[in-house]
Amino acid sequence: QAQLQESGGGSVLTGGSLRLSCAASGVTFRTYVLGWFRQAPGKEREFVAASSDGGATPLYKDFAKGRFTISRDNAKNTAYLQMDNLEPEDTAVYYCAGVPQPAFVGPVYSRGSYRDWGQGTQVTVSS
């Protein structure tokens, strides 16, 4: 059974950085499509970034480009989301999500494309 566990959230000031981790178990990680989403209070859960093709082609939502970096360590079954130059608007619960490549029909930015979800980790950015 697939399990995803996020960690690394916390509280930072504007301009600060955090690195989120997503540890996966029960999956073949090197062929696992991995996405990061976030949900702010009162808002829909939205796409942040995704890693497919073993990490060869990362994709980002516009607000994440240039500030966030998705990566993965297939040997450790762990994905990361490095977040730099954080802004108060980035405050949200961040979730990692995944689906085995053979079952993936896309698109990567759609919540419905993912089978497995973590519990989320809170990120709070204050000015």
Foldseek 3Di string as FASTA:
>chain_A
DKAKAKDWADEEEQQAKIKMKIAIPPDQLQQKKKFKWWDDPPDDIWGAKIAHNSRPDIDGDPVPPPFWDWDDDSVRNMIMIIGGRDDQVPWTWMKMFIDGNVQAPDDPGDPVRTDYIHPTDTHGYHD
